[in-house]
Protein backbone atom coordinates (compact mmCIF):
# COMPACT_ATOMS: atom_id res chain seq x y z
CA MET A 1 -0.05 0.05 0.11
CA THR A 2 3.02 2.24 -0.62
CA GLY A 3 3.97 3.99 -3.80
CA ARG A 4 7.00 6.06 -4.61
CA ALA A 5 7.85 8.33 -7.41
CA GLY A 6 10.60 10.92 -8.42
CA PHE A 7 14.23 11.32 -8.30
CA GLU A 8 16.76 13.12 -6.02
CA LYS A 9 17.79 15.52 -8.76
CA PRO A 10 17.55 19.37 -9.08
CA GLN A 11 14.08 20.59 -9.96
CA ASP A 12 12.52 17.26 -9.02
CA CYS A 13 10.99 15.75 -5.91
CA VAL A 14 10.62 12.24 -4.31
CA VAL A 15 7.14 11.37 -3.15
CA VAL A 16 6.29 8.41 -0.97
CA VAL A 17 2.54 7.73 -0.38
CA SER A 18 1.33 5.04 2.07
CA LEU A 19 -2.40 4.63 1.91
CA ARG A 20 -4.19 3.68 5.02
CA ASP A 21 -7.73 3.20 6.33
CA THR A 22 -7.94 6.02 8.94
CA GLY A 23 -6.04 8.99 10.24
CA GLY A 24 -6.51 11.55 7.61
CA ILE A 25 -3.62 13.00 5.66
CA ALA A 26 -0.28 13.28 7.31
CA LEU A 27 2.11 15.32 5.17
CA GLN A 28 5.85 15.49 5.79
CA LEU A 29 7.94 17.98 3.77
CA HIS A 30 11.61 18.07 3.56
CA SER A 31 12.91 21.05 1.50
CA LYS A 32 15.75 23.55 1.67
CA GLN A 33 13.15 26.18 0.55
CA GLU A 34 10.56 25.20 3.12
CA SER A 35 10.60 28.65 4.73
CA MET A 36 9.72 30.39 1.49
CA PHE A 37 7.57 27.78 -0.35
CA GLY A 38 6.52 25.20 2.29
CA ASN A 39 2.95 26.54 2.53
CA THR A 40 2.58 26.54 -1.21
CA ILE A 41 4.00 23.01 -1.57
CA ARG A 42 1.62 21.74 1.01
CA ALA A 43 -1.39 23.43 -0.50
CA CYS A 44 -0.54 21.88 -3.88
CA ALA A 45 -0.15 18.43 -2.34
CA GLN A 46 -3.45 18.71 -0.44
CA ALA A 47 -5.32 19.92 -3.53
CA CYS A 48 -3.91 17.02 -5.68
CA LEU A 49 -4.72 14.46 -2.96
CA GLU A 50 -8.31 15.80 -2.81
CA GLU A 51 -8.60 15.58 -6.68
CA LEU A 52 -7.44 11.98 -6.39
CA GLY A 53 -9.89 11.11 -3.68
CA VAL A 54 -7.21 10.22 -1.11
CA LYS A 55 -8.58 10.89 2.40
CA ASN A 56 -6.20 8.82 4.49
CA ALA A 57 -2.48 8.56 3.72
CA ALA A 58 0.91 9.25 5.03
CA VAL A 59 2.74 11.35 2.47
CA GLU A 60 6.44 12.30 2.46
CA ILE A 61 7.82 14.83 0.00
CA GLN A 62 11.46 15.43 -0.40
CA ASP A 63 11.69 18.60 -2.61
CA PHE A 64 14.78 19.54 -4.61
CA GLY A 65 13.46 22.80 -6.06
CA SER A 66 10.45 21.29 -8.06
CA LEU A 67 7.70 23.35 -9.53
CA ASP A 68 3.98 22.64 -8.74
CA PHE A 69 3.33 20.56 -11.81
CA VAL A 70 6.16 18.19 -10.91
CA ILE A 71 4.83 17.87 -7.31
CA ARG A 72 1.31 16.97 -8.77
CA ALA A 73 2.77 14.48 -11.39
CA ARG A 74 4.88 12.71 -8.74
CA LEU A 75 1.95 12.58 -6.23
CA LYS A 76 -0.39 11.16 -8.92
CA THR A 77 2.20 8.54 -9.84
CA ALA A 78 2.82 7.55 -6.31
CA VAL A 79 -0.87 7.25 -5.38
CA ASP A 80 -1.41 5.15 -8.50
CA ARG A 81 1.43 2.85 -7.57
CA ALA A 82 0.27 2.53 -3.99
CA ARG A 83 -3.34 1.66 -5.21
CA ARG A 84 -1.88 -0.96 -7.56
CA ALA A 85 0.30 -2.46 -4.79
CA ASN A 86 -2.90 -2.72 -2.64
CA HIS A 87 -4.59 -4.91 -5.34
CA GLU A 88 -1.73 -7.30 -5.85
């Protein structure tokens, strides 16, 4: 029930999503630019998770200067992989 996406390279991010049955969304963000962009990254991640219908998950984002569309793409891929792992 865990999916991972992304690379530890500049302008990318690594996203790990662990789907669970209860507990809501627990989001951990690791970024050198967290003081400037942390709230924006969190809002982007929350909006993407809502669009995907994810209500209960532990999400870890390691940011390396990625833009919002990269964060969204990595989140969508990680959620898809976690859902597929759940069905195997």
